Amino acid sequence: QSGGRLFTGGQDGMIWQIDPKAGVSIGQYELDQELVAPMLVSNDLLIAATFDGKLTAYRATDDRNALLQTVWQTDIGTAVFDMRVVGNNLIVSDMGGQLSSINSRDGDISWQAIVHRNARYWSTVNRQKLYSLTNTGTLNILDLQSGKQLDQLQFSGEFSRPPLVQDDTIVLFDINGVNKGGALSASLKRRTPLSMASTPVTRNTPGLNP
């Protein structure tokens, strides 16, 4: 929802405004590219990511012939894989293995970091740290404010969901790997597995290992 209005969009690039009480369409807006990620709302703006690598923020209007008004547009260079709202920022994962932190008010890019190449990955935030996990079990931990890599861990398994982080414990969901579809957990502080049927966690901290 944006400004008390309900919007939905599809891969065909159409955005529909829905009457939340009646459940019927009351307007539509056509993009010139297909949508590649679920739309988000931040600071009362509707954020859409399209196949050409552009993120666009719209403000809803009362004009049914011009349903949305463009507020800003930012080009990150390649198609978005996933994005989420963290405070006043968007954390954006793209197909090139790059993470971007973007101010949702004006579209300015705060930082960008290439963390994963040739892999699908999912991210979550806890206590000013960004945890980004690949499908092959590589976990990169970044500072949320600067994008600086703080640590890297390696888990055995095959993953397809964002990790869950609570205090010192991380929980991962293994779909087809060693753990046969179960969840596994590990201590981030001690770098030791707590409950998992995989090999121990390995550590690669920038500046400490060759």
C-alpha atoms as a PDB file:
ATOM      1  CA  GLN A   1       0.000   0.000   0.000  1.00  0.00           C
ATOM      2  CA  SER A   2       1.092   3.587  -0.710  1.00  0.00           C
ATOM      3  CA  GLY A   3      -0.781   6.608   0.626  1.00  0.00           C
ATOM      4  CA  GLY A   4      -3.650   4.362   1.736  1.00  0.00           C
ATOM      5  CA  ARG A   5      -3.951   2.865  -1.756  1.00  0.00           C
ATOM      6  CA  LEU A   6      -3.371  -0.734  -2.747  1.00  0.00           C
ATOM      7  CA  PHE A   7      -1.169  -1.509  -5.760  1.00  0.00           C
ATOM      8  CA  THR A   8      -0.116  -4.739  -7.439  1.00  0.00           C
ATOM      9  CA  GLY A   9       2.073  -5.398 -10.455  1.00  0.00           C
ATOM     10  CA  GLY A  10       3.097  -8.208 -12.777  1.00  0.00           C
ATOM     11  CA  GLN A  11       5.989  -9.261 -14.978  1.00  0.00           C
ATOM     12  CA  ASP A  12       4.171  -7.728 -17.945  1.00  0.00           C
ATOM     13  CA  GLY A  13       5.007  -4.279 -16.552  1.00  0.00           C
ATOM     14  CA  MET A  14       1.437  -3.395 -15.598  1.00  0.00           C
ATOM     15  CA  ILE A  15       0.712  -1.785 -12.215  1.00  0.00           C
ATOM     16  CA  TRP A  16      -2.864  -1.915 -10.997  1.00  0.00           C
ATOM     17  CA  GLN A  17      -4.550   0.163  -8.312  1.00  0.00           C
ATOM     18  CA  ILE A  18      -7.060  -1.903  -6.358  1.00  0.00           C
ATOM     19  CA  ASP A  19      -9.959  -0.724  -4.216  1.00  0.00           C
ATOM     20  CA  PRO A  20      -9.099  -2.510  -0.935  1.00  0.00           C
ATOM     21  CA  LYS A  21     -12.739  -2.608   0.161  1.00  0.00           C
ATOM     22  CA  ALA A  22     -14.371  -3.792  -3.064  1.00  0.00           C
ATOM     23  CA  GLY A  23     -11.395  -5.762  -4.402  1.00  0.00           C
ATOM     24  CA  VAL A  24     -11.787  -4.322  -7.909  1.00  0.00           C
ATOM     25  CA  SER A  25      -9.362  -2.452 -10.163  1.00  0.00           C
ATOM     26  CA  ILE A  26      -9.819   1.322 -10.235  1.00  0.00           C
ATOM     27  CA  GLY A  27      -6.838   2.240 -12.398  1.00  0.00           C
ATOM     28  CA  GLN A  28      -3.708   0.992 -14.137  1.00  0.00           C
ATOM     29  CA  TYR A  29      -0.242   2.216 -15.105  1.00  0.00           C
ATOM     30  CA  GLU A  30       1.975   0.666 -17.801  1.00  0.00           C
ATOM     31  CA  LEU A  31       5.751   0.573 -17.417  1.00  0.00           C
ATOM     32  CA  ASP A  32       8.055   0.375 -20.443  1.00  0.00           C
ATOM     33  CA  GLN A  33       9.897  -2.630 -18.917  1.00  0.00           C
ATOM     34  CA  GLU A  34       8.819  -5.772 -17.090  1.00  0.00           C
ATOM     35  CA  LEU A  35       8.934  -5.915 -13.300  1.00  0.00           C
ATOM     36  CA  VAL A  36      11.560  -8.279 -11.894  1.00  0.00           C
ATOM     37  CA  ALA A  37      10.961  -8.072  -8.119  1.00  0.00           C
ATOM     38  CA  PRO A  38       8.009  -7.451  -5.789  1.00  0.00           C
ATOM     39  CA  MET A  39       7.198  -3.757  -5.405  1.00  0.00           C
ATOM     40  CA  LEU A  40       7.916  -2.086  -2.064  1.00  0.00           C
ATOM     41  CA  VAL A  41       6.636   0.964  -0.199  1.00  0.00           C
ATOM     42  CA  SER A  42       9.018   3.283   1.659  1.00  0.00           C
ATOM     43  CA  ASN A  43       8.395   6.854   2.853  1.00  0.00           C
ATOM     44  CA  ASP A  44       4.972   6.665   1.194  1.00  0.00           C
ATOM     45  CA  LEU A  45       6.593   6.011  -2.205  1.00  0.00           C
ATOM     46  CA  LEU A  46       5.968   2.964  -4.382  1.00  0.00           C
ATOM     47  CA  ILE A  47       9.303   1.423  -5.480  1.00  0.00           C
ATOM     48  CA  ALA A  48       9.431  -0.665  -8.662  1.00  0.00           C
ATOM     49  CA  ALA A  49      12.426  -2.545 -10.115  1.00  0.00           C
ATOM     50  CA  THR A  50      12.476  -3.289 -13.842  1.00  0.00           C
ATOM     51  CA  PHE A  51      14.459  -5.669 -16.065  1.00  0.00           C
ATOM     52  CA  ASP A  52      16.727  -2.901 -17.398  1.00  0.00           C
ATOM     53  CA  GLY A  53      18.320  -2.391 -13.954  1.00  0.00           C
ATOM     54  CA  LYS A  54      16.363   0.725 -13.007  1.00  0.00           C
ATOM     55  CA  LEU A  55      14.653   1.406  -9.690  1.00  0.00           C
ATOM     56  CA  THR A  56      11.868   3.974  -9.867  1.00  0.00           C
ATOM     57  CA  ALA A  57       9.949   5.621  -7.025  1.00  0.00           C
ATOM     58  CA  TYR A  58       6.381   6.761  -7.690  1.00  0.00           C
ATOM     59  CA  ARG A  59       3.878   8.842  -5.765  1.00  0.00           C
ATOM     60  CA  ALA A  60       0.192   8.013  -6.138  1.00  0.00           C
ATOM     61  CA  THR A  61      -2.058  10.717  -7.609  1.00  0.00           C
ATOM     62  CA  ASP A  62      -5.807  11.250  -7.834  1.00  0.00           C
ATOM     63  CA  ASP A  63      -5.636  11.494 -11.633  1.00  0.00           C
ATOM     64  CA  ARG A  64      -6.879   8.203 -13.102  1.00  0.00           C
ATOM     65  CA  ASN A  65      -5.211   9.099 -16.407  1.00  0.00           C
ATOM     66  CA  ALA A  66      -1.832   9.549 -14.659  1.00  0.00           C
ATOM     67  CA  LEU A  67      -2.062   7.096 -11.787  1.00  0.00           C
ATOM     68  CA  LEU A  68       1.574   7.445 -10.663  1.00  0.00           C
ATOM     69  CA  GLN A  69       4.010  10.357 -10.675  1.00  0.00           C
ATOM     70  CA  THR A  70       7.735   9.637 -10.923  1.00  0.00           C
ATOM     71  CA  VAL A  71       9.726  11.031  -7.971  1.00  0.00           C
ATOM     72  CA  TRP A  72      13.176   9.588  -8.706  1.00  0.00           C
ATOM     73  CA  GLN A  73      14.888   6.904 -10.780  1.00  0.00           C
ATOM     74  CA  THR A  74      18.226   5.180 -10.158  1.00  0.00           C
ATOM     75  CA  ASP A  75      20.104   2.874 -12.539  1.00  0.00           C
ATOM     76  CA  ILE A  76      22.155   0.139 -10.830  1.00  0.00           C
ATOM     77  CA  GLY A  77      23.229  -1.358 -14.154  1.00  0.00           C
ATOM     78  CA  THR A  78      21.739  -4.849 -14.033  1.00  0.00           C
ATOM     79  CA  ALA A  79      18.443  -6.514 -13.177  1.00  0.00           C
ATOM     80  CA  VAL A  80      17.375  -6.690  -9.528  1.00  0.00           C
ATOM     81  CA  PHE A  81      17.126 -10.085  -7.883  1.00  0.00           C
ATOM     82  CA  ASP A  82      15.721  -8.984  -4.518  1.00  0.00           C
ATOM     83  CA  MET A  83      15.165  -5.804  -2.522  1.00  0.00           C
ATOM     84  CA  ARG A  84      13.948  -4.901   0.944  1.00  0.00           C
ATOM     85  CA  VAL A  85      13.309  -1.809   3.065  1.00  0.00           C
ATOM     86  CA  VAL A  86      15.635  -1.148   6.022  1.00  0.00           C
ATOM     87  CA  GLY A  87      14.734   2.142   7.711  1.00  0.00           C
ATOM     88  CA  ASN A  88      14.978   4.861   5.063  1.00  0.00           C
ATOM     89  CA  ASN A  89      17.119   2.722   2.776  1.00  0.00           C
ATOM     90  CA  LEU A  90      16.593   0.003   0.208  1.00  0.00           C
ATOM     91  CA  ILE A  91      18.953  -2.966   0.280  1.00  0.00           C
ATOM     92  CA  VAL A  92      19.072  -4.199  -3.318  1.00  0.00           C
ATOM     93  CA  SER A  93      20.568  -7.469  -4.615  1.00  0.00           C
ATOM     94  CA  ASP A  94      21.199  -7.640  -8.357  1.00  0.00           C
ATOM     95  CA  MET A  95      21.943 -10.369 -10.885  1.00  0.00           C
ATOM     96  CA  GLY A  96      25.603  -9.317 -11.075  1.00  0.00           C
ATOM     97  CA  GLY A  97      26.289 -10.312  -7.460  1.00  0.00           C
ATOM     98  CA  GLN A  98      26.233  -6.733  -6.222  1.00  0.00           C
ATOM     99  CA  LEU A  99      24.547  -5.331  -3.105  1.00  0.00           C
ATOM    100  CA  SER A 100      23.458  -1.683  -3.074  1.00  0.00           C
ATOM    101  CA  SER A 101      22.173   0.551  -0.314  1.00  0.00           C
ATOM    102  CA  ILE A 102      19.889   3.234  -1.766  1.00  0.00           C
ATOM    103  CA  ASN A 103      18.205   6.147   0.012  1.00  0.00           C
ATOM    104  CA  SER A 104      14.502   5.599  -0.548  1.00  0.00           C
ATOM    105  CA  ARG A 105      13.697   9.300  -0.261  1.00  0.00           C
ATOM    106  CA  ASP A 106      15.808  10.520  -3.187  1.00  0.00           C
ATOM    107  CA  GLY A 107      17.342   7.439  -4.872  1.00  0.00           C
ATOM    108  CA  ASP A 108      20.949   8.318  -3.973  1.00  0.00           C
ATOM    109  CA  ILE A 109      23.260   5.298  -3.757  1.00  0.00           C
ATOM    110  CA  SER A 110      24.963   5.154  -0.338  1.00  0.00           C
ATOM    111  CA  TRP A 111      27.281   2.251  -1.181  1.00  0.00           C
ATOM    112  CA  GLN A 112      27.702  -0.712  -3.512  1.00  0.00           C
ATOM    113  CA  ALA A 113      29.659  -3.917  -2.929  1.00  0.00           C
ATOM    114  CA  ILE A 114      30.169  -6.960  -5.150  1.00  0.00           C
ATOM    115  CA  VAL A 115      29.892  -9.897  -2.770  1.00  0.00           C
ATOM    116  CA  HIS A 116      28.766 -12.884  -4.835  1.00  0.00           C
ATOM    117  CA  ARG A 117      29.516 -13.806  -8.444  1.00  0.00           C
ATOM    118  CA  ASN A 118      27.703 -16.503 -10.423  1.00  0.00           C
ATOM    119  CA  ALA A 119      25.413 -17.396  -7.538  1.00  0.00           C
ATOM    120  CA  ARG A 120      21.896 -16.692  -6.316  1.00  0.00           C
ATOM    121  CA  TYR A 121      21.783 -15.085  -2.896  1.00  0.00           C
ATOM    122  CA  TRP A 122      19.462 -13.747  -0.196  1.00  0.00           C
ATOM    123  CA  SER A 123      20.065 -11.127   2.497  1.00  0.00           C
ATOM    124  CA  THR A 124      18.805 -10.195   5.942  1.00  0.00           C
ATOM    125  CA  VAL A 125      19.672  -7.480   8.472  1.00  0.00           C
ATOM    126  CA  ASN A 126      20.306  -7.720  12.195  1.00  0.00           C
ATOM    127  CA  ARG A 127      21.925  -5.180  14.543  1.00  0.00           C
ATOM    128  CA  GLN A 128      23.453  -2.948  11.849  1.00  0.00           C
ATOM    129  CA  LYS A 129      24.936  -5.902   9.990  1.00  0.00           C
ATOM    130  CA  LEU A 130      23.903  -7.292   6.611  1.00  0.00           C
ATOM    131  CA  TYR A 131      24.029 -11.086   6.210  1.00  0.00           C
ATOM    132  CA  SER A 132      24.083 -12.263   2.592  1.00  0.00           C
ATOM    133  CA  LEU A 133      23.868 -16.006   1.856  1.00  0.00           C
ATOM    134  CA  THR A 134      24.438 -17.745  -1.493  1.00  0.00           C
ATOM    135  CA  ASN A 135      22.673 -20.893  -2.642  1.00  0.00           C
ATOM    136  CA  THR A 136      26.005 -22.713  -2.205  1.00  0.00           C
ATOM    137  CA  GLY A 137      26.429 -21.731   1.458  1.00  0.00           C
ATOM    138  CA  THR A 138      28.784 -18.731   1.389  1.00  0.00           C
ATOM    139  CA  LEU A 139      27.736 -16.181   4.010  1.00  0.00           C
ATOM    140  CA  ASN A 140      29.149 -12.661   3.742  1.00  0.00           C
ATOM    141  CA  ILE A 141      28.666 -10.282   6.671  1.00  0.00           C
ATOM    142  CA  LEU A 142      28.785  -6.553   5.847  1.00  0.00           C
ATOM    143  CA  ASP A 143      28.516  -3.344   7.825  1.00  0.00           C
ATOM    144  CA  LEU A 144      25.064  -1.948   7.033  1.00  0.00           C
ATOM    145  CA  GLN A 145      26.172   1.696   7.017  1.00  0.00           C
ATOM    146  CA  SER A 146      29.315   1.424   4.879  1.00  0.00           C
ATOM    147  CA  GLY A 147      29.026  -1.856   2.962  1.00  0.00           C
ATOM    148  CA  LYS A 148      32.429  -2.938   4.265  1.00  0.00           C
ATOM    149  CA  GLN A 149      32.882  -6.707   4.474  1.00  0.00           C
ATOM    150  CA  LEU A 150      33.361  -7.772   8.084  1.00  0.00           C
ATOM    151  CA  ASP A 151      33.534 -11.536   7.801  1.00  0.00           C
ATOM    152  CA  GLN A 152      32.845 -14.552   5.585  1.00  0.00           C
ATOM    153  CA  LEU A 153      31.643 -18.016   6.611  1.00  0.00           C
ATOM    154  CA  GLN A 154      31.123 -21.189   4.570  1.00  0.00           C
ATOM    155  CA  PHE A 155      28.364 -23.736   5.228  1.00  0.00           C
ATOM    156  CA  SER A 156      27.771 -27.086   3.532  1.00  0.00           C
ATOM    157  CA  GLY A 157      24.359 -27.403   1.899  1.00  0.00           C
ATOM    158  CA  GLU A 158      22.076 -25.894  -0.715  1.00  0.00           C
ATOM    159  CA  PHE A 159      20.041 -22.868   0.294  1.00  0.00           C
ATOM    160  CA  SER A 160      17.162 -20.845  -1.159  1.00  0.00           C
ATOM    161  CA  ARG A 161      15.974 -18.526   1.627  1.00  0.00           C
ATOM    162  CA  PRO A 162      17.376 -15.596   3.580  1.00  0.00           C
ATOM    163  CA  PRO A 163      19.163 -16.598   6.796  1.00  0.00           C
ATOM    164  CA  LEU A 164      17.562 -15.859  10.160  1.00  0.00           C
ATOM    165  CA  VAL A 165      19.802 -14.111  12.698  1.00  0.00           C
ATOM    166  CA  GLN A 166      19.021 -13.694  16.389  1.00  0.00           C
ATOM    167  CA  ASP A 167      21.739 -12.360  18.677  1.00  0.00           C
ATOM    168  CA  ASP A 168      24.686 -14.758  18.237  1.00  0.00           C
ATOM    169  CA  THR A 169      22.791 -17.501  16.390  1.00  0.00           C
ATOM    170  CA  ILE A 170      22.163 -17.901  12.662  1.00  0.00           C
ATOM    171  CA  VAL A 171      19.597 -20.320  11.228  1.00  0.00           C
ATOM    172  CA  LEU A 172      19.800 -21.540   7.611  1.00  0.00           C
ATOM    173  CA  PHE A 173      17.374 -23.626   5.572  1.00  0.00           C
ATOM    174  CA  ASP A 174      18.954 -26.385   3.484  1.00  0.00           C
ATOM    175  CA  ILE A 175      16.783 -27.577   0.564  1.00  0.00           C
ATOM    176  CA  ASN A 176      18.680 -30.403  -1.150  1.00  0.00           C
ATOM    177  CA  GLY A 177      22.132 -30.486   0.389  1.00  0.00           C
ATOM    178  CA  VAL A 178      23.655 -32.392   3.247  1.00  0.00           C
ATOM    179  CA  ASN A 179      20.801 -31.608   5.598  1.00  0.00           C
ATOM    180  CA  LYS A 180      17.984 -32.971   3.372  1.00  0.00           C
ATOM    181  CA  GLY A 181      15.576 -30.068   3.601  1.00  0.00           C
ATOM    182  CA  GLY A 182      16.059 -29.298   7.303  1.00  0.00           C
ATOM    183  CA  ALA A 183      17.134 -26.231   9.222  1.00  0.00           C
ATOM    184  CA  LEU A 184      20.615 -25.827  10.662  1.00  0.00           C
ATOM    185  CA  SER A 185      21.958 -23.361  13.182  1.00  0.00           C
ATOM    186  CA  ALA A 186      25.418 -22.140  14.139  1.00  0.00           C
ATOM    187  CA  SER A 187      27.050 -19.782  16.609  1.00  0.00           C
ATOM    188  CA  LEU A 188      28.447 -16.691  14.855  1.00  0.00           C
ATOM    189  CA  LYS A 189      30.550 -15.779  17.863  1.00  0.00           C
ATOM    190  CA  ARG A 190      32.197 -19.168  18.368  1.00  0.00           C
ATOM    191  CA  ARG A 191      32.164 -20.154  14.651  1.00  0.00           C
ATOM    192  CA  THR A 192      30.859 -23.576  15.650  1.00  0.00           C
ATOM    193  CA  PRO A 193      27.796 -25.526  14.539  1.00  0.00           C
ATOM    194  CA  LEU A 194      25.025 -25.856  17.125  1.00  0.00           C
ATOM    195  CA  SER A 195      22.700 -28.231  15.322  1.00  0.00           C
ATOM    196  CA  MET A 196      23.413 -29.349  11.787  1.00  0.00           C
ATOM    197  CA  ALA A 197      24.404 -32.447   9.839  1.00  0.00           C
ATOM    198  CA  SER A 198      27.046 -30.737   7.756  1.00  0.00           C
ATOM    199  CA  THR A 199      30.746 -30.006   7.958  1.00  0.00           C
ATOM    200  CA  PRO A 200      31.923 -27.353  10.472  1.00  0.00           C
ATOM    201  CA  VAL A 201      31.806 -23.673   9.637  1.00  0.00           C
ATOM    202  CA  THR A 202      34.982 -22.223   8.116  1.00  0.00           C
ATOM    203  CA  ARG A 203      36.039 -18.610   8.483  1.00  0.00           C
ATOM    204  CA  ASN A 204      37.624 -16.195   6.018  1.00  0.00           C
ATOM    205  CA  THR A 205      38.027 -12.759   7.571  1.00  0.00           C
ATOM    206  CA  PRO A 206      39.471 -10.069   5.233  1.00  0.00           C
ATOM    207  CA  GLY A 207      42.994  -9.129   6.261  1.00  0.00           C
ATOM    208  CA  LEU A 208      43.610 -12.247   8.366  1.00  0.00           C
ATOM    209  CA  ASN A 209      43.791 -14.984   5.753  1.00  0.00           C
ATOM    210  CA  PRO A 210      45.895 -15.008   2.558  1.00  0.00           C
END
